[in-house]
Amino acid sequence: MSLQDVINERVSFLKEQLSPNNKPVVNRTFQLQIEAIRSADLEKVAIIILQKKAQLANCKDVKRADDLFAELDALEWLQRQVVNHIA
């Protein structure tokens, strides 16, 4: 399975988790993760993670911190997939 196939599978999985029965914050988390995975430059994912961690360290807003945690979760997953497909 190619890296792009793995990414597409993950995005499909996250889309399936979106539901009107979820709390809005849960759907927002899934949507942020989808967007983070789709928009990340695979060659720069490690740098993006460092930038997000720096933003989180300086974040004073709880909602923004939650968003950053969601994005970091998705980006760290993506980074693991990139490493696994390079090796």
Protein backbone atom coordinates (compact mmCIF):
# COMPACT_ATOMS: atom_id res chain seq x y z
CA MET A 1 0.00 0.00 0.00
CA SER A 2 1.42 3.37 -0.99
CA LEU A 3 1.74 6.31 1.37
CA GLN A 4 -1.00 8.12 -0.51
CA ASP A 5 -3.28 5.09 -0.09
CA VAL A 6 -2.64 5.08 3.67
CA ILE A 7 -3.36 8.81 3.86
CA ASN A 8 -6.56 8.44 1.84
CA GLU A 9 -7.67 5.58 4.07
CA ARG A 10 -7.08 7.66 7.21
CA VAL A 11 -8.98 10.63 5.78
CA SER A 12 -11.87 8.34 4.85
CA PHE A 13 -11.87 6.89 8.36
CA LEU A 14 -11.95 10.36 9.91
CA LYS A 15 -14.78 11.42 7.58
CA GLU A 16 -16.77 8.37 8.70
CA GLN A 17 -16.40 9.53 12.31
CA LEU A 18 -18.15 12.83 11.55
CA SER A 19 -21.74 12.62 12.74
CA PRO A 20 -24.58 14.95 13.66
CA ASN A 21 -24.89 12.86 16.83
CA ASN A 22 -21.42 13.96 17.98
CA LYS A 23 -20.84 17.03 20.06
CA PRO A 24 -19.70 19.91 17.82
CA VAL A 25 -16.24 19.91 19.41
CA VAL A 26 -15.77 16.24 18.44
CA ASN A 27 -16.70 16.90 14.80
CA ARG A 28 -14.43 19.94 14.81
CA THR A 29 -11.54 17.76 16.01
CA PHE A 30 -12.09 15.26 13.21
CA GLN A 31 -12.38 18.06 10.64
CA LEU A 32 -9.18 19.72 11.86
CA GLN A 33 -7.36 16.39 11.62
CA ILE A 34 -8.61 15.84 8.07
CA GLU A 35 -7.48 19.32 7.05
CA ALA A 36 -4.09 18.93 8.74
CA ILE A 37 -3.40 15.64 6.97
CA ARG A 38 -4.60 16.88 3.58
CA SER A 39 -2.73 20.18 3.65
CA ALA A 40 0.61 19.07 5.14
CA ASP A 41 3.72 19.12 2.98
CA LEU A 42 5.08 15.60 3.49
CA GLU A 43 8.66 16.81 3.22
CA LYS A 44 8.12 19.45 5.90
CA VAL A 45 5.83 17.61 8.34
CA ALA A 46 8.51 17.50 11.08
CA ILE A 47 8.99 21.26 10.82
CA ILE A 48 5.25 21.85 10.88
CA ILE A 49 5.00 19.74 14.05
CA LEU A 50 7.71 21.83 15.72
CA GLN A 51 5.91 25.02 14.72
CA LYS A 52 2.59 23.76 16.11
CA LYS A 53 4.29 22.72 19.37
CA ALA A 54 5.81 26.19 19.68
CA GLN A 55 2.39 27.75 19.07
CA LEU A 56 0.91 25.45 21.72
CA ALA A 57 3.60 26.40 24.24
CA ASN A 58 2.67 30.07 23.79
CA CYS A 59 -1.09 29.53 23.54
CA LYS A 60 -3.27 31.13 26.17
CA ASP A 61 -6.65 30.32 24.60
CA VAL A 62 -8.20 26.94 25.52
CA LYS A 63 -10.10 26.56 22.24
CA ARG A 64 -6.97 27.29 20.19
CA ALA A 65 -4.99 24.84 22.35
CA ASP A 66 -7.58 22.13 21.68
CA ASP A 67 -7.30 22.84 17.95
CA LEU A 68 -3.52 22.63 18.11
CA PHE A 69 -3.68 19.31 19.97
CA ALA A 70 -6.00 17.92 17.27
CA GLU A 71 -3.70 19.11 14.49
CA LEU A 72 -0.63 17.75 16.26
CA ASP A 73 -2.26 14.37 16.72
CA ALA A 74 -2.95 14.16 12.98
CA LEU A 75 0.47 15.49 11.97
CA GLU A 76 2.32 13.11 14.28
CA TRP A 77 0.32 10.22 12.80
CA LEU A 78 1.26 11.47 9.33
CA GLN A 79 4.93 11.75 10.27
CA ARG A 80 4.93 8.11 11.45
CA GLN A 81 3.43 7.03 8.13
CA VAL A 82 6.03 8.98 6.16
CA VAL A 83 8.86 7.41 8.18
CA ASN A 84 7.37 3.91 7.76
CA HIS A 85 7.13 4.33 3.99
CA ILE A 86 10.66 5.70 3.63
CA ALA A 87 12.19 2.82 5.61
